[in-house]
Amino acid sequence: MSNDRVYKMKFSKVYPLLVQKVERKGRSKAEVDKVICWLTGYEEQDLQSQLAADVDYEQFFSDAPEFNPNADKITGVICGHRVENITEPLMKKIRQMDKLVDELAKGKTMEKILRA
């Protein structure tokens, strides 16, 4: 799958899959929202507005109010790639969000996930 195809994926289609992933492991939608808002700077109501607007990944991240400066502390492997080695900025943001959700599903504490 080319990066362009990923960038054009509707965030509203991917989001329920992220929620399902963590709920299967005993975590909650509210926790998914919290990590996404931490990463992107969206407020909860703005996140819901983005979902309702049916934006793609590219638009979702370009509209993000303020990407968290601690996002560079997100490291590790996701989808077979080391997050810290991804050079394409949009793909890096997508994989950082994937990594946070993955850590949530694996049971890490919110404090560790949010790099507090």
PDB file of N, CA and C in Angstrom:
ATOM      1  N   MET A   1       0.855  -1.180   0.000  1.00  0.00           N
ATOM      2  CA  MET A   1       0.000   0.000   0.000  1.00  0.00           C
ATOM      3  C   MET A   1       0.897   1.238   0.000  1.00  0.00           C
ATOM      4  N   SER A   2       0.677   2.108  -0.930  1.00  0.00           N
ATOM      5  CA  SER A   2       1.492   3.318  -0.999  1.00  0.00           C
ATOM      6  C   SER A   2       1.100   4.265   0.127  1.00  0.00           C
ATOM      7  N   ASN A   3       2.006   5.184   0.426  1.00  0.00           N
ATOM      8  CA  ASN A   3       1.718   6.168   1.470  1.00  0.00           C
ATOM      9  C   ASN A   3       0.491   6.997   1.126  1.00  0.00           C
ATOM     10  N   ASP A   4       0.322   7.345  -0.155  1.00  0.00           N
ATOM     11  CA  ASP A   4      -0.840   8.146  -0.553  1.00  0.00           C
ATOM     12  C   ASP A   4      -2.149   7.453  -0.198  1.00  0.00           C
ATOM     13  N   ARG A   5      -2.196   6.150  -0.372  1.00  0.00           N
ATOM     14  CA  ARG A   5      -3.413   5.408  -0.011  1.00  0.00           C
ATOM     15  C   ARG A   5      -3.661   5.469   1.493  1.00  0.00           C
ATOM     16  N   VAL A   6      -2.609   5.386   2.274  1.00  0.00           N
ATOM     17  CA  VAL A   6      -2.750   5.492   3.729  1.00  0.00           C
ATOM     18  C   VAL A   6      -3.233   6.881   4.102  1.00  0.00           C
ATOM     19  N   TYR A   7      -2.625   7.896   3.513  1.00  0.00           N
ATOM     20  CA  TYR A   7      -2.970   9.283   3.845  1.00  0.00           C
ATOM     21  C   TYR A   7      -4.420   9.615   3.513  1.00  0.00           C
ATOM     22  N   LYS A   8      -4.966   8.945   2.508  1.00  0.00           N
ATOM     23  CA  LYS A   8      -6.346   9.211   2.080  1.00  0.00           C
ATOM     24  C   LYS A   8      -7.375   8.333   2.810  1.00  0.00           C
ATOM     25  N   MET A   9      -6.895   7.453   3.705  1.00  0.00           N
ATOM     26  CA  MET A   9      -7.833   6.640   4.493  1.00  0.00           C
ATOM     27  C   MET A   9      -8.640   7.554   5.406  1.00  0.00           C
ATOM     28  N   LYS A  10      -9.922   7.301   5.499  1.00  0.00           N
ATOM     29  CA  LYS A  10     -10.799   8.100   6.352  1.00  0.00           C
ATOM     30  C   LYS A  10     -10.500   7.782   7.812  1.00  0.00           C
ATOM     31  N   PHE A  11     -10.187   8.816   8.566  1.00  0.00           N
ATOM     32  CA  PHE A  11      -9.904   8.628   9.984  1.00  0.00           C
ATOM     33  C   PHE A  11     -11.120   8.045  10.699  1.00  0.00           C
ATOM     34  N   SER A  12     -12.310   8.433  10.268  1.00  0.00           N
ATOM     35  CA  SER A  12     -13.536   7.927  10.891  1.00  0.00           C
ATOM     36  C   SER A  12     -13.718   6.428  10.672  1.00  0.00           C
ATOM     37  N   LYS A  13     -13.052   5.853   9.681  1.00  0.00           N
ATOM     38  CA  LYS A  13     -13.114   4.403   9.438  1.00  0.00           C
ATOM     39  C   LYS A  13     -12.071   3.661  10.273  1.00  0.00           C
ATOM     40  N   VAL A  14     -10.950   4.296  10.527  1.00  0.00           N
ATOM     41  CA  VAL A  14      -9.868   3.671  11.292  1.00  0.00           C
ATOM     42  C   VAL A  14     -10.128   3.774  12.794  1.00  0.00           C
ATOM     43  N   TYR A  15     -10.671   4.895  13.219  1.00  0.00           N
ATOM     44  CA  TYR A  15     -10.899   5.165  14.642  1.00  0.00           C
ATOM     45  C   TYR A  15     -11.648   4.031  15.358  1.00  0.00           C
ATOM     46  N   PRO A  16     -12.783   3.520  14.818  1.00  0.00           N
ATOM     47  CA  PRO A  16     -13.472   2.436  15.527  1.00  0.00           C
ATOM     48  C   PRO A  16     -12.608   1.185  15.692  1.00  0.00           C
ATOM     49  N   LEU A  17     -11.700   0.959  14.757  1.00  0.00           N
ATOM     50  CA  LEU A  17     -10.795  -0.186  14.866  1.00  0.00           C
ATOM     51  C   LEU A  17      -9.800   0.010  16.006  1.00  0.00           C
ATOM     52  N   LEU A  18      -9.345   1.247  16.180  1.00  0.00           N
ATOM     53  CA  LEU A  18      -8.443   1.555  17.296  1.00  0.00           C
ATOM     54  C   LEU A  18      -9.167   1.325  18.622  1.00  0.00           C
ATOM     55  N   VAL A  19     -10.414   1.780  18.694  1.00  0.00           N
ATOM     56  CA  VAL A  19     -11.216   1.606  19.914  1.00  0.00           C
ATOM     57  C   VAL A  19     -11.458   0.125  20.182  1.00  0.00           C
ATOM     58  N   GLN A  20     -11.821  -0.628  19.160  1.00  0.00           N
ATOM     59  CA  GLN A  20     -12.052  -2.066  19.334  1.00  0.00           C
ATOM     60  C   GLN A  20     -10.806  -2.774  19.843  1.00  0.00           C
ATOM     61  N   LYS A  21      -9.660  -2.396  19.306  1.00  0.00           N
ATOM     62  CA  LYS A  21      -8.395  -3.013  19.708  1.00  0.00           C
ATOM     63  C   LYS A  21      -8.166  -2.875  21.207  1.00  0.00           C
ATOM     64  N   VAL A  22      -8.382  -1.675  21.738  1.00  0.00           N
ATOM     65  CA  VAL A  22      -8.123  -1.472  23.165  1.00  0.00           C
ATOM     66  C   VAL A  22      -9.242  -2.034  24.037  1.00  0.00           C
ATOM     67  N   GLU A  23     -10.477  -1.983  23.554  1.00  0.00           N
ATOM     68  CA  GLU A  23     -11.589  -2.511  24.351  1.00  0.00           C
ATOM     69  C   GLU A  23     -11.484  -4.018  24.522  1.00  0.00           C
ATOM     70  N   ARG A  24     -10.946  -4.720  23.520  1.00  0.00           N
ATOM     71  CA  ARG A  24     -10.723  -6.173  23.647  1.00  0.00           C
ATOM     72  C   ARG A  24      -9.742  -6.480  24.776  1.00  0.00           C
ATOM     73  N   LYS A  25      -8.897  -5.497  25.096  1.00  0.00           N
ATOM     74  CA  LYS A  25      -7.890  -5.681  26.144  1.00  0.00           C
ATOM     75  C   LYS A  25      -8.292  -5.023  27.464  1.00  0.00           C
ATOM     76  N   GLY A  26      -9.567  -4.611  27.566  1.00  0.00           N
ATOM     77  CA  GLY A  26     -10.059  -4.060  28.823  1.00  0.00           C
ATOM     78  C   GLY A  26      -9.846  -2.568  29.008  1.00  0.00           C
ATOM     79  N   ARG A  27      -9.442  -1.879  27.969  1.00  0.00           N
ATOM     80  CA  ARG A  27      -9.275  -0.431  28.053  1.00  0.00           C
ATOM     81  C   ARG A  27     -10.503   0.237  27.441  1.00  0.00           C
ATOM     82  N   SER A  28     -10.524   1.576  27.407  1.00  0.00           N
ATOM     83  CA  SER A  28     -11.759   2.259  27.012  1.00  0.00           C
ATOM     84  C   SER A  28     -11.565   3.236  25.849  1.00  0.00           C
ATOM     85  N   LYS A  29     -12.679   3.583  25.226  1.00  0.00           N
ATOM     86  CA  LYS A  29     -12.717   4.594  24.181  1.00  0.00           C
ATOM     87  C   LYS A  29     -12.198   5.922  24.725  1.00  0.00           C
ATOM     88  N   ALA A  30     -12.565   6.254  25.966  1.00  0.00           N
ATOM     89  CA  ALA A  30     -12.115   7.498  26.579  1.00  0.00           C
ATOM     90  C   ALA A  30     -10.588   7.553  26.652  1.00  0.00           C
ATOM     91  N   GLU A  31      -9.956   6.420  26.894  1.00  0.00           N
ATOM     92  CA  GLU A  31      -8.495   6.384  26.949  1.00  0.00           C
ATOM     93  C   GLU A  31      -7.891   6.573  25.551  1.00  0.00           C
ATOM     94  N   VAL A  32      -8.533   5.992  24.540  1.00  0.00           N
ATOM     95  CA  VAL A  32      -8.073   6.209  23.162  1.00  0.00           C
ATOM     96  C   VAL A  32      -8.154   7.699  22.840  1.00  0.00           C
ATOM     97  N   ASP A  33      -9.291   8.304  23.173  1.00  0.00           N
ATOM     98  CA  ASP A  33      -9.477   9.735  22.920  1.00  0.00           C
ATOM     99  C   ASP A  33      -8.410  10.554  23.640  1.00  0.00           C
ATOM    100  N   LYS A  34      -8.099  10.153  24.859  1.00  0.00           N
ATOM    101  CA  LYS A  34      -7.115  10.901  25.641  1.00  0.00           C
ATOM    102  C   LYS A  34      -5.739  10.868  24.981  1.00  0.00           C
ATOM    103  N   VAL A  35      -5.315   9.705  24.502  1.00  0.00           N
ATOM    104  CA  VAL A  35      -3.987   9.639  23.884  1.00  0.00           C
ATOM    105  C   VAL A  35      -3.967  10.359  22.538  1.00  0.00           C
ATOM    106  N   ILE A  36      -5.068  10.285  21.784  1.00  0.00           N
ATOM    107  CA  ILE A  36      -5.123  10.995  20.506  1.00  0.00           C
ATOM    108  C   ILE A  36      -5.101  12.506  20.750  1.00  0.00           C
ATOM    109  N   CYS A  37      -5.864  12.953  21.725  1.00  0.00           N
ATOM    110  CA  CYS A  37      -5.880  14.390  22.043  1.00  0.00           C
ATOM    111  C   CYS A  37      -4.530  14.856  22.565  1.00  0.00           C
ATOM    112  N   TRP A  38      -3.883  14.037  23.375  1.00  0.00           N
ATOM    113  CA  TRP A  38      -2.542  14.385  23.880  1.00  0.00           C
ATOM    114  C   TRP A  38      -1.575  14.567  22.707  1.00  0.00           C
ATOM    115  N   LEU A  39      -1.638  13.655  21.755  1.00  0.00           N
ATOM    116  CA  LEU A  39      -0.702  13.688  20.632  1.00  0.00           C
ATOM    117  C   LEU A  39      -0.964  14.858  19.690  1.00  0.00           C
ATOM    118  N   THR A  40      -2.228  15.146  19.416  1.00  0.00           N
ATOM    119  CA  THR A  40      -2.590  16.098  18.361  1.00  0.00           C
ATOM    120  C   THR A  40      -2.954  17.493  18.845  1.00  0.00           C
ATOM    121  N   GLY A  41      -3.297  17.620  20.113  1.00  0.00           N
ATOM    122  CA  GLY A  41      -3.732  18.913  20.631  1.00  0.00           C
ATOM    123  C   GLY A  41      -5.220  19.173  20.465  1.00  0.00           C
ATOM    124  N   TYR A  42      -5.937  18.227  19.880  1.00  0.00           N
ATOM    125  CA  TYR A  42      -7.390  18.379  19.769  1.00  0.00           C
ATOM    126  C   TYR A  42      -8.025  18.332  21.151  1.00  0.00           C
ATOM    127  N   GLU A  43      -9.098  19.079  21.332  1.00  0.00           N
ATOM    128  CA  GLU A  43      -9.977  18.920  22.481  1.00  0.00           C
ATOM    129  C   GLU A  43     -10.961  17.806  22.114  1.00  0.00           C
ATOM    130  N   GLU A  44     -11.589  17.207  23.109  1.00  0.00           N
ATOM    131  CA  GLU A  44     -12.512  16.099  22.861  1.00  0.00           C
ATOM    132  C   GLU A  44     -13.579  16.454  21.825  1.00  0.00           C
ATOM    133  N   GLN A  45     -14.204  17.623  21.967  1.00  0.00           N
ATOM    134  CA  GLN A  45     -15.276  17.997  21.029  1.00  0.00           C
ATOM    135  C   GLN A  45     -14.729  18.212  19.622  1.00  0.00           C
ATOM    136  N   ASP A  46     -13.495  18.689  19.514  1.00  0.00           N
ATOM    137  CA  ASP A  46     -12.878  18.872  18.196  1.00  0.00           C
ATOM    138  C   ASP A  46     -12.559  17.522  17.550  1.00  0.00           C
ATOM    139  N   LEU A  47     -12.135  16.576  18.364  1.00  0.00           N
ATOM    140  CA  LEU A  47     -11.883  15.223  17.867  1.00  0.00           C
ATOM    141  C   LEU A  47     -13.181  14.635  17.307  1.00  0.00           C
ATOM    142  N   GLN A  48     -14.262  14.786  18.045  1.00  0.00           N
ATOM    143  CA  GLN A  48     -15.558  14.272  17.582  1.00  0.00           C
ATOM    144  C   GLN A  48     -16.004  14.987  16.305  1.00  0.00           C
ATOM    145  N   SER A  49     -15.717  16.267  16.194  1.00  0.00           N
ATOM    146  CA  SER A  49     -16.047  17.017  14.975  1.00  0.00           C
ATOM    147  C   SER A  49     -15.265  16.493  13.772  1.00  0.00           C
ATOM    148  N   GLN A  50     -14.009  16.171  13.987  1.00  0.00           N
ATOM    149  CA  GLN A  50     -13.191  15.611  12.903  1.00  0.00           C
ATOM    150  C   GLN A  50     -13.740  14.267  12.449  1.00  0.00           C
ATOM    151  N   LEU A  51     -14.174  13.465  13.414  1.00  0.00           N
ATOM    152  CA  LEU A  51     -14.767  12.168  13.073  1.00  0.00           C
ATOM    153  C   LEU A  51     -16.050  12.364  12.276  1.00  0.00           C
ATOM    154  N   ALA A  52     -16.877  13.300  12.693  1.00  0.00           N
ATOM    155  CA  ALA A  52     -18.148  13.568  12.013  1.00  0.00           C
ATOM    156  C   ALA A  52     -17.921  14.134  10.613  1.00  0.00           C
ATOM    157  N   ALA A  53     -16.844  14.888  10.440  1.00  0.00           N
ATOM    158  CA  ALA A  53     -16.544  15.497   9.141  1.00  0.00           C
ATOM    159  C   ALA A  53     -15.976  14.490   8.143  1.00  0.00           C
ATOM    160  N   ASP A  54     -15.651  13.291   8.625  1.00  0.00           N
ATOM    161  CA  ASP A  54     -15.173  12.214   7.756  1.00  0.00           C
ATOM    162  C   ASP A  54     -13.897  12.595   7.011  1.00  0.00           C
ATOM    163  N   VAL A  55     -12.964  13.211   7.726  1.00  0.00           N
ATOM    164  CA  VAL A  55     -11.692  13.632   7.127  1.00  0.00           C
ATOM    165  C   VAL A  55     -10.749  12.441   6.967  1.00  0.00           C
ATOM    166  N   ASP A  56      -9.800  12.590   6.058  1.00  0.00           N
ATOM    167  CA  ASP A  56      -8.783  11.551   5.898  1.00  0.00           C
ATOM    168  C   ASP A  56      -7.629  11.832   6.871  1.00  0.00           C
ATOM    169  N   TYR A  57      -6.695  10.880   6.935  1.00  0.00           N
ATOM    170  CA  TYR A  57      -5.552  11.035   7.837  1.00  0.00           C
ATOM    171  C   TYR A  57      -4.802  12.337   7.564  1.00  0.00           C
ATOM    172  N   GLU A  58      -4.581  12.631   6.300  1.00  0.00           N
ATOM    173  CA  GLU A  58      -3.821  13.827   5.940  1.00  0.00           C
ATOM    174  C   GLU A  58      -4.487  15.088   6.498  1.00  0.00           C
ATOM    175  N   GLN A  59      -5.784  15.201   6.310  1.00  0.00           N
ATOM    176  CA  GLN A  59      -6.526  16.365   6.809  1.00  0.00           C
ATOM    177  C   GLN A  59      -6.568  16.371   8.337  1.00  0.00           C
ATOM    178  N   PHE A  60      -6.764  15.191   8.928  1.00  0.00           N
ATOM    179  CA  PHE A  60      -6.832  15.079  10.387  1.00  0.00           C
ATOM    180  C   PHE A  60      -5.562  15.633  11.029  1.00  0.00           C
ATOM    181  N   PHE A  61      -4.416  15.237  10.511  1.00  0.00           N
ATOM    182  CA  PHE A  61      -3.159  15.695  11.103  1.00  0.00           C
ATOM    183  C   PHE A  61      -2.815  17.128  10.707  1.00  0.00           C
ATOM    184  N   SER A  62      -3.200  17.559   9.517  1.00  0.00           N
ATOM    185  CA  SER A  62      -2.903  18.948   9.146  1.00  0.00           C
ATOM    186  C   SER A  62      -3.780  19.926   9.925  1.00  0.00           C
ATOM    187  N   ASP A  63      -4.976  19.498  10.326  1.00  0.00           N
ATOM    188  CA  ASP A  63      -5.865  20.341  11.133  1.00  0.00           C
ATOM    189  C   ASP A  63      -5.524  20.321  12.620  1.00  0.00           C
ATOM    190  N   ALA A  64      -4.655  19.399  13.028  1.00  0.00           N
ATOM    191  CA  ALA A  64      -4.335  19.250  14.451  1.00  0.00           C
ATOM    192  C   ALA A  64      -3.812  20.570  15.011  1.00  0.00           C
ATOM    193  N   PRO A  65      -4.386  21.017  16.135  1.00  0.00           N
ATOM    194  CA  PRO A  65      -4.008  22.320  16.709  1.00  0.00           C
ATOM    195  C   PRO A  65      -2.520  22.442  17.055  1.00  0.00           C
ATOM    196  N   GLU A  66      -1.988  21.428  17.728  1.00  0.00           N
ATOM    197  CA  GLU A  66      -0.581  21.502  18.134  1.00  0.00           C
ATOM    198  C   GLU A  66      -0.090  20.100  18.438  1.00  0.00           C
ATOM    199  N   PHE A  67       0.781  19.598  17.586  1.00  0.00           N
ATOM    200  CA  PHE A  67       1.325  18.267  17.810  1.00  0.00           C
ATOM    201  C   PHE A  67       2.203  18.309  19.052  1.00  0.00           C
ATOM    202  N   ASN A  68       2.039  17.341  19.927  1.00  0.00           N
ATOM    203  CA  ASN A  68       2.721  17.343  21.219  1.00  0.00           C
ATOM    204  C   ASN A  68       4.244  17.335  21.041  1.00  0.00           C
ATOM    205  N   PRO A  69       4.944  18.252  21.710  1.00  0.00           N
ATOM    206  CA  PRO A  69       6.407  18.297  21.582  1.00  0.00           C
ATOM    207  C   PRO A  69       7.085  17.036  22.140  1.00  0.00           C
ATOM    208  N   ASN A  70       6.409  16.303  23.011  1.00  0.00           N
ATOM    209  CA  ASN A  70       6.976  15.066  23.545  1.00  0.00           C
ATOM    210  C   ASN A  70       6.758  13.867  22.632  1.00  0.00           C
ATOM    211  N   ALA A  71       6.157  14.084  21.476  1.00  0.00           N
ATOM    212  CA  ALA A  71       5.926  12.989  20.536  1.00  0.00           C
ATOM    213  C   ALA A  71       7.235  12.341  20.094  1.00  0.00           C
ATOM    214  N   ASP A  72       8.317  13.100  20.105  1.00  0.00           N
ATOM    215  CA  ASP A  72       9.615  12.534  19.723  1.00  0.00           C
ATOM    216  C   ASP A  72      10.090  11.469  20.714  1.00  0.00           C
ATOM    217  N   LYS A  73       9.473  11.420  21.882  1.00  0.00           N
ATOM    218  CA  LYS A  73       9.831  10.399  22.873  1.00  0.00           C
ATOM    219  C   LYS A  73       9.154   9.065  22.579  1.00  0.00           C
ATOM    220  N   ILE A  74       8.272   9.035  21.585  1.00  0.00           N
ATOM    221  CA  ILE A  74       7.602   7.793  21.204  1.00  0.00           C
ATOM    222  C   ILE A  74       8.572   6.994  20.347  1.00  0.00           C
ATOM    223  N   THR A  75       8.982   5.842  20.872  1.00  0.00           N
ATOM    224  CA  THR A  75       9.933   4.993  20.178  1.00  0.00           C
ATOM    225  C   THR A  75       9.418   3.564  20.164  1.00  0.00           C
ATOM    226  N   GLY A  76      10.052   2.758  19.355  1.00  0.00           N
ATOM    227  CA  GLY A  76       9.685   1.356  19.298  1.00  0.00           C
ATOM    228  C   GLY A  76       9.221   0.963  17.911  1.00  0.00           C
ATOM    229  N   VAL A  77       8.817  -0.300  17.786  1.00  0.00           N
ATOM    230  CA  VAL A  77       8.437  -0.855  16.495  1.00  0.00           C
ATOM    231  C   VAL A  77       6.920  -0.915  16.385  1.00  0.00           C
ATOM    232  N   ILE A  78       6.410  -0.455  15.254  1.00  0.00           N
ATOM    233  CA  ILE A  78       4.990  -0.575  14.940  1.00  0.00           C
ATOM    234  C   ILE A  78       4.896  -0.891  13.448  1.00  0.00           C
ATOM    235  N   CYS A  79       4.111  -1.874  13.120  1.00  0.00           N
ATOM    236  CA  CYS A  79       3.947  -2.293  11.712  1.00  0.00           C
ATOM    237  C   CYS A  79       5.298  -2.605  11.058  1.00  0.00           C
ATOM    238  N   GLY A  80       6.208  -3.152  11.836  1.00  0.00           N
ATOM    239  CA  GLY A  80       7.504  -3.549  11.306  1.00  0.00           C
ATOM    240  C   GLY A  80       8.508  -2.436  11.098  1.00  0.00           C
ATOM    241  N   HIS A  81       8.185  -1.236  11.559  1.00  0.00           N
ATOM    242  CA  HIS A  81       9.078  -0.093  11.383  1.00  0.00           C
ATOM    243  C   HIS A  81       9.361   0.573  12.720  1.00  0.00           C
ATOM    244  N   ARG A  82      10.585   1.012  12.905  1.00  0.00           N
ATOM    245  CA  ARG A  82      10.925   1.757  14.102  1.00  0.00           C
ATOM    246  C   ARG A  82      10.379   3.167  13.942  1.00  0.00           C
ATOM    247  N   VAL A  83       9.547   3.577  14.883  1.00  0.00           N
ATOM    248  CA  VAL A  83       8.884   4.875  14.814  1.00  0.00           C
ATOM    249  C   VAL A  83       9.902   6.001  14.714  1.00  0.00           C
ATOM    250  N   GLU A  84      10.942   5.926  15.496  1.00  0.00           N
ATOM    251  CA  GLU A  84      11.924   7.008  15.544  1.00  0.00           C
ATOM    252  C   GLU A  84      12.740   7.130  14.255  1.00  0.00           C
ATOM    253  N   ASN A  85      12.712   6.107  13.397  1.00  0.00           N
ATOM    254  CA  ASN A  85      13.482   6.137  12.147  1.00  0.00           C
ATOM    255  C   ASN A  85      12.654   6.534  10.931  1.00  0.00           C
ATOM    256  N   ILE A  86      11.364   6.744  11.109  1.00  0.00           N
ATOM    257  CA  ILE A  86      10.511   7.129   9.983  1.00  0.00           C
ATOM    258  C   ILE A  86      10.806   8.593   9.645  1.00  0.00           C
ATOM    259  N   THR A  87      11.125   8.850   8.389  1.00  0.00           N
ATOM    260  CA  THR A  87      11.528  10.205   7.995  1.00  0.00           C
ATOM    261  C   THR A  87      10.388  11.027   7.405  1.00  0.00           C
ATOM    262  N   GLU A  88       9.395  10.393   6.828  1.00  0.00           N
ATOM    263  CA  GLU A  88       8.281  11.117   6.220  1.00  0.00           C
ATOM    264  C   GLU A  88       7.374  11.625   7.346  1.00  0.00           C
ATOM    265  N   PRO A  89       7.205  12.937   7.481  1.00  0.00           N
ATOM    266  CA  PRO A  89       6.516  13.521   8.644  1.00  0.00           C
ATOM    267  C   PRO A  89       5.094  13.015   8.897  1.00  0.00           C
ATOM    268  N   LEU A  90       4.267  12.908   7.862  1.00  0.00           N
ATOM    269  CA  LEU A  90       2.893  12.465   8.081  1.00  0.00           C
ATOM    270  C   LEU A  90       2.843  11.003   8.483  1.00  0.00           C
ATOM    271  N   MET A  91       3.636  10.172   7.833  1.00  0.00           N
ATOM    272  CA  MET A  91       3.661   8.750   8.189  1.00  0.00           C
ATOM    273  C   MET A  91       4.167   8.581   9.617  1.00  0.00           C
ATOM    274  N   LYS A  92       5.123   9.394  10.018  1.00  0.00           N
ATOM    275  CA  LYS A  92       5.642   9.317  11.385  1.00  0.00           C
ATOM    276  C   LYS A  92       4.534   9.632  12.388  1.00  0.00           C
ATOM    277  N   LYS A  93       3.731  10.655  12.120  1.00  0.00           N
ATOM    278  CA  LYS A  93       2.625  11.006  13.022  1.00  0.00           C
ATOM    279  C   LYS A  93       1.602   9.887  13.101  1.00  0.00           C
ATOM    280  N   ILE A  94       1.291   9.284  11.963  1.00  0.00           N
ATOM    281  CA  ILE A  94       0.334   8.174  11.939  1.00  0.00           C
ATOM    282  C   ILE A  94       0.865   7.017  12.777  1.00  0.00           C
ATOM    283  N   ARG A  95       2.118   6.684  12.581  1.00  0.00           N
ATOM    284  CA  ARG A  95       2.717   5.551  13.319  1.00  0.00           C
ATOM    285  C   ARG A  95       2.890   5.876  14.804  1.00  0.00           C
ATOM    286  N   GLN A  96       3.132   7.136  15.138  1.00  0.00           N
ATOM    287  CA  GLN A  96       3.200   7.511  16.549  1.00  0.00           C
ATOM    288  C   GLN A  96       1.847   7.285  17.213  1.00  0.00           C
ATOM    289  N   MET A  97       0.774   7.668  16.532  1.00  0.00           N
ATOM    290  CA  MET A  97      -0.551   7.436  17.093  1.00  0.00           C
ATOM    291  C   MET A  97      -0.817   5.933  17.222  1.00  0.00           C
ATOM    292  N   ASP A  98      -0.445   5.164  16.203  1.00  0.00           N
ATOM    293  CA  ASP A  98      -0.609   3.712  16.266  1.00  0.00           C
ATOM    294  C   ASP A  98       0.145   3.130  17.464  1.00  0.00           C
ATOM    295  N   LYS A  99       1.343   3.627  17.684  1.00  0.00           N
ATOM    296  CA  LYS A  99       2.173   3.129  18.788  1.00  0.00           C
ATOM    297  C   LYS A  99       1.531   3.437  20.137  1.00  0.00           C
ATOM    298  N   LEU A 100       0.974   4.644  20.291  1.00  0.00           N
ATOM    299  CA  LEU A 100       0.299   4.988  21.554  1.00  0.00           C
ATOM    300  C   LEU A 100      -0.889   4.072  21.807  1.00  0.00           C
ATOM    301  N   VAL A 101      -1.679   3.821  20.776  1.00  0.00           N
ATOM    302  CA  VAL A 101      -2.837   2.941  20.921  1.00  0.00           C
ATOM    303  C   VAL A 101      -2.377   1.521  21.218  1.00  0.00           C
ATOM    304  N   ASP A 102      -1.302   1.090  20.588  1.00  0.00           N
ATOM    305  CA  ASP A 102      -0.750  -0.238  20.840  1.00  0.00           C
ATOM    306  C   ASP A 102      -0.286  -0.370  22.291  1.00  0.00           C
ATOM    307  N   GLU A 103       0.374   0.644  22.805  1.00  0.00           N
ATOM    308  CA  GLU A 103       0.821   0.630  24.197  1.00  0.00           C
ATOM    309  C   GLU A 103      -0.379   0.583  25.143  1.00  0.00           C
ATOM    310  N   LEU A 104      -1.427   1.298  24.800  1.00  0.00           N
ATOM    311  CA  LEU A 104      -2.657   1.279  25.596  1.00  0.00           C
ATOM    312  C   LEU A 104      -3.232  -0.130  25.627  1.00  0.00           C
ATOM    313  N   ALA A 105      -3.301  -0.768  24.473  1.00  0.00           N
ATOM    314  CA  ALA A 105      -3.834  -2.128  24.380  1.00  0.00           C
ATOM    315  C   ALA A 105      -2.965  -3.137  25.132  1.00  0.00           C
ATOM    316  N   LYS A 106      -1.688  -2.855  25.217  1.00  0.00           N
ATOM    317  CA  LYS A 106      -0.779  -3.767  25.920  1.00  0.00           C
ATOM    318  C   LYS A 106      -0.785  -3.561  27.431  1.00  0.00           C
ATOM    319  N   GLY A 107      -1.563  -2.593  27.904  1.00  0.00           N
ATOM    320  CA  GLY A 107      -1.723  -2.427  29.339  1.00  0.00           C
ATOM    321  C   GLY A 107      -0.773  -1.455  30.014  1.00  0.00           C
ATOM    322  N   LYS A 108      -0.028  -0.692  29.256  1.00  0.00           N
ATOM    323  CA  LYS A 108       0.852   0.295  29.876  1.00  0.00           C
ATOM    324  C   LYS A 108       0.021   1.336  30.620  1.00  0.00           C
ATOM    325  N   THR A 109       0.630   1.912  31.618  1.00  0.00           N
ATOM    326  CA  THR A 109      -0.079   2.965  32.370  1.00  0.00           C
ATOM    327  C   THR A 109      -0.169   4.225  31.523  1.00  0.00           C
ATOM    328  N   MET A 110      -1.202   5.001  31.773  1.00  0.00           N
ATOM    329  CA  MET A 110      -1.406   6.232  31.015  1.00  0.00           C
ATOM    330  C   MET A 110      -0.213   7.166  31.199  1.00  0.00           C
ATOM    331  N   GLU A 111       0.365   7.189  32.393  1.00  0.00           N
ATOM    332  CA  GLU A 111       1.523   8.040  32.666  1.00  0.00           C
ATOM    333  C   GLU A 111       2.675   7.717  31.728  1.00  0.00           C
ATOM    334  N   LYS A 112       2.945   6.418  31.527  1.00  0.00           N
ATOM    335  CA  LYS A 112       4.038   6.008  30.626  1.00  0.00           C
ATOM    336  C   LYS A 112       3.693   6.291  29.177  1.00  0.00           C
ATOM    337  N   ILE A 113       2.441   6.040  28.800  1.00  0.00           N
ATOM    338  CA  ILE A 113       2.021   6.270  27.425  1.00  0.00           C
ATOM    339  C   ILE A 113       2.162   7.729  27.050  1.00  0.00           C
ATOM    340  N   LEU A 114       1.781   8.605  27.959  1.00  0.00           N
ATOM    341  CA  LEU A 114       1.818  10.051  27.684  1.00  0.00           C
ATOM    342  C   LEU A 114       3.188  10.667  27.969  1.00  0.00           C
ATOM    343  N   ARG A 115       4.171   9.813  28.170  1.00  0.00           N
ATOM    344  CA  ARG A 115       5.546  10.263  28.375  1.00  0.00           C
ATOM    345  C   ARG A 115       5.655  11.336  29.446  1.00  0.00           C
ATOM    346  N   ALA A 116       4.961  11.090  30.554  1.00  0.00           N
ATOM    347  CA  ALA A 116       4.946  12.062  31.658  1.00  0.00           C
ATOM    348  C   ALA A 116       6.219  11.991  32.471  1.00  0.00           C
TER     349      ALA A 116
END
